[in-house]
Protein backbone atom coordinates (compact mmCIF):
# COMPACT_ATOMS: atom_id res chain seq x y z
CA UNK A 1 0.00 0.00 0.00
CA UNK A 2 1.16 3.53 -0.74
CA UNK A 3 2.04 6.08 1.91
CA UNK A 4 -0.88 8.15 3.21
CA UNK A 5 -0.24 11.77 4.12
CA UNK A 6 -1.37 13.66 7.21
CA UNK A 7 -1.81 16.77 5.02
CA UNK A 8 -4.19 14.90 2.74
CA UNK A 9 -6.04 13.47 5.76
CA UNK A 10 -6.55 16.99 7.11
CA UNK A 11 -7.59 18.29 3.67
CA UNK A 12 -10.17 15.50 3.32
CA UNK A 13 -11.49 16.03 6.86
CA UNK A 14 -12.29 19.62 5.89
CA UNK A 15 -13.46 18.90 2.32
CA UNK A 16 -16.96 20.05 1.44
CA UNK A 17 -17.84 18.32 -1.84
CA UNK A 18 -20.99 16.52 -3.00
CA UNK A 19 -18.89 13.55 -4.14
CA UNK A 20 -16.62 13.40 -1.08
CA UNK A 21 -17.48 9.73 -0.51
CA UNK A 22 -16.26 9.01 -4.03
CA UNK A 23 -13.01 10.87 -3.35
CA UNK A 24 -12.47 8.80 -0.21
CA UNK A 25 -13.21 5.52 -2.02
CA UNK A 26 -10.92 6.32 -4.94
CA UNK A 27 -8.13 7.55 -2.66
CA UNK A 28 -8.14 4.27 -0.75
CA UNK A 29 -8.22 2.25 -3.97
CA UNK A 30 -5.39 4.24 -5.57
CA UNK A 31 -3.14 3.97 -2.52
CA UNK A 32 -3.41 0.17 -2.78
CA UNK A 33 -2.10 0.26 -6.39
CA UNK A 34 1.59 0.57 -5.67
CA UNK A 35 3.62 0.51 -2.44
CA UNK A 36 5.82 3.32 -3.81
CA UNK A 37 2.94 5.80 -4.16
CA UNK A 38 2.93 8.86 -1.97
CA UNK A 39 0.35 11.61 -1.78
CA UNK A 40 0.14 15.30 -1.14
CA UNK A 41 -2.21 18.21 -1.86
CA UNK A 42 -1.72 19.75 -5.32
CA UNK A 43 -4.08 21.98 -7.27
CA UNK A 44 -6.20 22.10 -4.09
CA UNK A 45 -6.84 18.35 -4.25
CA UNK A 46 -5.14 15.04 -3.39
CA UNK A 47 -2.40 14.01 -5.81
CA UNK A 48 -0.46 10.75 -6.05
CA UNK A 49 3.25 10.57 -6.82
CA UNK A 50 5.71 7.86 -7.67
CA UNK A 51 9.40 8.60 -7.50
CA UNK A 52 8.66 12.21 -6.59
CA UNK A 53 6.67 12.79 -9.80
CA UNK A 54 2.97 13.63 -9.70
CA UNK A 55 1.12 11.00 -11.75
CA UNK A 56 -2.58 11.06 -10.83
CA UNK A 57 -4.38 14.07 -9.36
CA UNK A 58 -7.97 14.65 -8.35
CA UNK A 59 -9.80 17.58 -9.94
CA UNK A 60 -12.58 18.68 -7.61
CA UNK A 61 -13.51 22.07 -9.04
CA UNK A 62 -16.00 23.04 -10.24
CA UNK A 63 -17.45 21.61 -7.07
CA UNK A 64 -20.14 19.42 -8.65
CA UNK A 65 -17.57 17.45 -10.61
CA UNK A 66 -15.08 14.72 -9.79
CA UNK A 67 -12.25 13.85 -12.15
CA UNK A 68 -8.97 12.01 -11.99
CA UNK A 69 -6.22 13.56 -14.09
CA UNK A 70 -3.59 11.14 -15.38
CA UNK A 71 -0.38 13.02 -16.20
CA UNK A 72 3.39 12.62 -16.23
CA UNK A 73 4.38 15.45 -13.92
CA UNK A 74 3.50 19.04 -13.19
CA UNK A 75 4.92 20.50 -16.38
CA UNK A 76 4.07 19.47 -19.95
CA UNK A 77 6.63 17.06 -21.34
CA UNK A 78 8.33 17.49 -24.70
CA UNK A 79 8.98 13.76 -25.18
CA UNK A 80 5.40 12.93 -26.13
CA UNK A 81 5.94 12.01 -29.80
CA UNK A 82 6.51 8.33 -29.05
CA UNK A 83 4.38 8.13 -25.90
CA UNK A 84 1.56 5.60 -25.99
CA UNK A 85 -0.71 4.18 -23.35
CA UNK A 86 -3.29 1.52 -24.09
CA UNK A 87 -6.64 2.07 -22.40
CA UNK A 88 -8.73 -1.08 -22.85
CA UNK A 89 -11.36 0.38 -20.50
CA UNK A 90 -12.18 3.36 -22.71
CA UNK A 91 -12.48 5.51 -19.58
CA UNK A 92 -9.65 7.92 -20.39
CA UNK A 93 -10.44 11.12 -22.28
CA UNK A 94 -7.17 12.38 -23.76
CA UNK A 95 -6.45 16.10 -23.34
CA UNK A 96 -2.89 15.86 -24.70
CA UNK A 97 -0.69 12.99 -25.90
CA UNK A 98 0.29 12.19 -22.28
CA UNK A 99 -2.54 13.70 -20.23
CA UNK A 100 -6.01 12.26 -19.76
CA UNK A 101 -8.98 12.44 -17.40
CA UNK A 102 -11.65 10.12 -16.11
CA UNK A 103 -15.00 11.73 -15.26
CA UNK A 104 -17.15 10.53 -12.38
CA UNK A 105 -20.56 12.20 -12.55
CA UNK A 106 -21.86 10.45 -9.42
CA UNK A 107 -21.11 7.87 -6.75
CA UNK A 108 -22.50 5.05 -8.88
CA UNK A 109 -19.83 5.80 -11.49
CA UNK A 110 -17.14 5.66 -8.80
CA UNK A 111 -18.32 2.25 -7.64
CA UNK A 112 -18.73 0.90 -11.17
CA UNK A 113 -15.29 2.08 -12.35
CA UNK A 114 -13.17 1.54 -9.24
CA UNK A 115 -11.58 -1.77 -10.33
CA UNK A 116 -10.83 -0.37 -13.80
CA UNK A 117 -9.28 2.75 -12.27
CA UNK A 118 -7.01 0.62 -10.09
CA UNK A 119 -5.84 -1.36 -13.12
CA UNK A 120 -5.16 1.85 -15.08
CA UNK A 121 -3.29 3.51 -12.21
CA UNK A 122 -1.14 0.43 -11.65
CA UNK A 123 0.04 0.63 -15.24
CA UNK A 124 0.11 4.45 -15.54
CA UNK A 125 2.47 5.09 -12.64
CA UNK A 126 5.07 2.87 -14.32
CA UNK A 127 5.18 4.70 -17.69
C-alpha atoms as a PDB file:
ATOM      1  CA  UNK A   1       0.000   0.000   0.000  1.00  0.00           C
ATOM      2  CA  UNK A   2       1.157   3.531  -0.744  1.00  0.00           C
ATOM      3  CA  UNK A   3       2.036   6.078   1.909  1.00  0.00           C
ATOM      4  CA  UNK A   4      -0.884   8.147   3.213  1.00  0.00           C
ATOM      5  CA  UNK A   5      -0.242  11.768   4.118  1.00  0.00           C
ATOM      6  CA  UNK A   6      -1.370  13.659   7.207  1.00  0.00           C
ATOM      7  CA  UNK A   7      -1.811  16.772   5.019  1.00  0.00           C
ATOM      8  CA  UNK A   8      -4.194  14.899   2.738  1.00  0.00           C
ATOM      9  CA  UNK A   9      -6.040  13.472   5.755  1.00  0.00           C
ATOM     10  CA  UNK A  10      -6.554  16.991   7.107  1.00  0.00           C
ATOM     11  CA  UNK A  11      -7.586  18.288   3.674  1.00  0.00           C
ATOM     12  CA  UNK A  12     -10.167  15.502   3.323  1.00  0.00           C
ATOM     13  CA  UNK A  13     -11.490  16.034   6.861  1.00  0.00           C
ATOM     14  CA  UNK A  14     -12.292  19.625   5.891  1.00  0.00           C
ATOM     15  CA  UNK A  15     -13.462  18.895   2.321  1.00  0.00           C
ATOM     16  CA  UNK A  16     -16.956  20.053   1.441  1.00  0.00           C
ATOM     17  CA  UNK A  17     -17.839  18.318  -1.836  1.00  0.00           C
ATOM     18  CA  UNK A  18     -20.993  16.518  -2.997  1.00  0.00           C
ATOM     19  CA  UNK A  19     -18.886  13.547  -4.145  1.00  0.00           C
ATOM     20  CA  UNK A  20     -16.624  13.401  -1.083  1.00  0.00           C
ATOM     21  CA  UNK A  21     -17.479   9.733  -0.505  1.00  0.00           C
ATOM     22  CA  UNK A  22     -16.256   9.015  -4.028  1.00  0.00           C
ATOM     23  CA  UNK A  23     -13.009  10.867  -3.352  1.00  0.00           C
ATOM     24  CA  UNK A  24     -12.471   8.802  -0.208  1.00  0.00           C
ATOM     25  CA  UNK A  25     -13.211   5.521  -2.025  1.00  0.00           C
ATOM     26  CA  UNK A  26     -10.919   6.316  -4.937  1.00  0.00           C
ATOM     27  CA  UNK A  27      -8.131   7.552  -2.661  1.00  0.00           C
ATOM     28  CA  UNK A  28      -8.138   4.269  -0.745  1.00  0.00           C
ATOM     29  CA  UNK A  29      -8.223   2.252  -3.966  1.00  0.00           C
ATOM     30  CA  UNK A  30      -5.390   4.244  -5.572  1.00  0.00           C
ATOM     31  CA  UNK A  31      -3.144   3.969  -2.517  1.00  0.00           C
ATOM     32  CA  UNK A  32      -3.408   0.174  -2.784  1.00  0.00           C
ATOM     33  CA  UNK A  33      -2.104   0.257  -6.385  1.00  0.00           C
ATOM     34  CA  UNK A  34       1.589   0.569  -5.665  1.00  0.00           C
ATOM     35  CA  UNK A  35       3.624   0.513  -2.439  1.00  0.00           C
ATOM     36  CA  UNK A  36       5.816   3.321  -3.810  1.00  0.00           C
ATOM     37  CA  UNK A  37       2.937   5.797  -4.158  1.00  0.00           C
ATOM     38  CA  UNK A  38       2.926   8.856  -1.967  1.00  0.00           C
ATOM     39  CA  UNK A  39       0.349  11.610  -1.783  1.00  0.00           C
ATOM     40  CA  UNK A  40       0.138  15.304  -1.145  1.00  0.00           C
ATOM     41  CA  UNK A  41      -2.208  18.214  -1.855  1.00  0.00           C
ATOM     42  CA  UNK A  42      -1.717  19.747  -5.320  1.00  0.00           C
ATOM     43  CA  UNK A  43      -4.080  21.977  -7.274  1.00  0.00           C
ATOM     44  CA  UNK A  44      -6.199  22.102  -4.091  1.00  0.00           C
ATOM     45  CA  UNK A  45      -6.844  18.348  -4.251  1.00  0.00           C
ATOM     46  CA  UNK A  46      -5.144  15.041  -3.390  1.00  0.00           C
ATOM     47  CA  UNK A  47      -2.404  14.006  -5.808  1.00  0.00           C
ATOM     48  CA  UNK A  48      -0.461  10.755  -6.050  1.00  0.00           C
ATOM     49  CA  UNK A  49       3.245  10.573  -6.821  1.00  0.00           C
ATOM     50  CA  UNK A  50       5.710   7.855  -7.673  1.00  0.00           C
ATOM     51  CA  UNK A  51       9.403   8.597  -7.497  1.00  0.00           C
ATOM     52  CA  UNK A  52       8.661  12.209  -6.589  1.00  0.00           C
ATOM     53  CA  UNK A  53       6.665  12.790  -9.805  1.00  0.00           C
ATOM     54  CA  UNK A  54       2.967  13.634  -9.704  1.00  0.00           C
ATOM     55  CA  UNK A  55       1.117  11.002 -11.745  1.00  0.00           C
ATOM     56  CA  UNK A  56      -2.584  11.059 -10.829  1.00  0.00           C
ATOM     57  CA  UNK A  57      -4.380  14.069  -9.360  1.00  0.00           C
ATOM     58  CA  UNK A  58      -7.971  14.655  -8.347  1.00  0.00           C
ATOM     59  CA  UNK A  59      -9.801  17.579  -9.943  1.00  0.00           C
ATOM     60  CA  UNK A  60     -12.581  18.676  -7.609  1.00  0.00           C
ATOM     61  CA  UNK A  61     -13.512  22.067  -9.044  1.00  0.00           C
ATOM     62  CA  UNK A  62     -16.000  23.043 -10.238  1.00  0.00           C
ATOM     63  CA  UNK A  63     -17.455  21.610  -7.067  1.00  0.00           C
ATOM     64  CA  UNK A  64     -20.141  19.422  -8.650  1.00  0.00           C
ATOM     65  CA  UNK A  65     -17.568  17.453 -10.607  1.00  0.00           C
ATOM     66  CA  UNK A  66     -15.085  14.722  -9.791  1.00  0.00           C
ATOM     67  CA  UNK A  67     -12.250  13.845 -12.153  1.00  0.00           C
ATOM     68  CA  UNK A  68      -8.971  12.005 -11.987  1.00  0.00           C
ATOM     69  CA  UNK A  69      -6.219  13.561 -14.089  1.00  0.00           C
ATOM     70  CA  UNK A  70      -3.585  11.136 -15.381  1.00  0.00           C
ATOM     71  CA  UNK A  71      -0.379  13.016 -16.196  1.00  0.00           C
ATOM     72  CA  UNK A  72       3.387  12.621 -16.225  1.00  0.00           C
ATOM     73  CA  UNK A  73       4.378  15.451 -13.919  1.00  0.00           C
ATOM     74  CA  UNK A  74       3.498  19.037 -13.186  1.00  0.00           C
ATOM     75  CA  UNK A  75       4.920  20.496 -16.383  1.00  0.00           C
ATOM     76  CA  UNK A  76       4.068  19.471 -19.950  1.00  0.00           C
ATOM     77  CA  UNK A  77       6.631  17.065 -21.341  1.00  0.00           C
ATOM     78  CA  UNK A  78       8.334  17.488 -24.702  1.00  0.00           C
ATOM     79  CA  UNK A  79       8.981  13.763 -25.176  1.00  0.00           C
ATOM     80  CA  UNK A  80       5.401  12.933 -26.133  1.00  0.00           C
ATOM     81  CA  UNK A  81       5.941  12.009 -29.802  1.00  0.00           C
ATOM     82  CA  UNK A  82       6.507   8.326 -29.046  1.00  0.00           C
ATOM     83  CA  UNK A  83       4.377   8.127 -25.899  1.00  0.00           C
ATOM     84  CA  UNK A  84       1.556   5.604 -25.986  1.00  0.00           C
ATOM     85  CA  UNK A  85      -0.713   4.180 -23.351  1.00  0.00           C
ATOM     86  CA  UNK A  86      -3.288   1.524 -24.092  1.00  0.00           C
ATOM     87  CA  UNK A  87      -6.643   2.072 -22.401  1.00  0.00           C
ATOM     88  CA  UNK A  88      -8.733  -1.083 -22.845  1.00  0.00           C
ATOM     89  CA  UNK A  89     -11.361   0.381 -20.499  1.00  0.00           C
ATOM     90  CA  UNK A  90     -12.184   3.361 -22.711  1.00  0.00           C
ATOM     91  CA  UNK A  91     -12.479   5.509 -19.579  1.00  0.00           C
ATOM     92  CA  UNK A  92      -9.653   7.922 -20.393  1.00  0.00           C
ATOM     93  CA  UNK A  93     -10.444  11.125 -22.277  1.00  0.00           C
ATOM     94  CA  UNK A  94      -7.173  12.376 -23.764  1.00  0.00           C
ATOM     95  CA  UNK A  95      -6.453  16.104 -23.343  1.00  0.00           C
ATOM     96  CA  UNK A  96      -2.893  15.860 -24.701  1.00  0.00           C
ATOM     97  CA  UNK A  97      -0.692  12.989 -25.897  1.00  0.00           C
ATOM     98  CA  UNK A  98       0.289  12.195 -22.284  1.00  0.00           C
ATOM     99  CA  UNK A  99      -2.536  13.702 -20.225  1.00  0.00           C
ATOM    100  CA  UNK A 100      -6.010  12.256 -19.764  1.00  0.00           C
ATOM    101  CA  UNK A 101      -8.977  12.436 -17.395  1.00  0.00           C
ATOM    102  CA  UNK A 102     -11.649  10.124 -16.112  1.00  0.00           C
ATOM    103  CA  UNK A 103     -15.000  11.727 -15.261  1.00  0.00           C
ATOM    104  CA  UNK A 104     -17.146  10.531 -12.379  1.00  0.00           C
ATOM    105  CA  UNK A 105     -20.561  12.202 -12.547  1.00  0.00           C
ATOM    106  CA  UNK A 106     -21.859  10.447  -9.425  1.00  0.00           C
ATOM    107  CA  UNK A 107     -21.105   7.869  -6.749  1.00  0.00           C
ATOM    108  CA  UNK A 108     -22.505   5.046  -8.883  1.00  0.00           C
ATOM    109  CA  UNK A 109     -19.832   5.797 -11.492  1.00  0.00           C
ATOM    110  CA  UNK A 110     -17.138   5.665  -8.802  1.00  0.00           C
ATOM    111  CA  UNK A 111     -18.318   2.249  -7.637  1.00  0.00           C
ATOM    112  CA  UNK A 112     -18.726   0.897 -11.171  1.00  0.00           C
ATOM    113  CA  UNK A 113     -15.293   2.080 -12.354  1.00  0.00           C
ATOM    114  CA  UNK A 114     -13.167   1.537  -9.237  1.00  0.00           C
ATOM    115  CA  UNK A 115     -11.577  -1.770 -10.331  1.00  0.00           C
ATOM    116  CA  UNK A 116     -10.828  -0.374 -13.804  1.00  0.00           C
ATOM    117  CA  UNK A 117      -9.280   2.753 -12.273  1.00  0.00           C
ATOM    118  CA  UNK A 118      -7.010   0.621 -10.086  1.00  0.00           C
ATOM    119  CA  UNK A 119      -5.838  -1.357 -13.124  1.00  0.00           C
ATOM    120  CA  UNK A 120      -5.164   1.852 -15.081  1.00  0.00           C
ATOM    121  CA  UNK A 121      -3.286   3.515 -12.208  1.00  0.00           C
ATOM    122  CA  UNK A 122      -1.145   0.427 -11.652  1.00  0.00           C
ATOM    123  CA  UNK A 123       0.039   0.632 -15.244  1.00  0.00           C
ATOM    124  CA  UNK A 124       0.106   4.446 -15.545  1.00  0.00           C
ATOM    125  CA  UNK A 125       2.465   5.085 -12.645  1.00  0.00           C
ATOM    126  CA  UNK A 126       5.067   2.869 -14.318  1.00  0.00           C
ATOM    127  CA  UNK A 127       5.185   4.703 -17.688  1.00  0.00           C
END
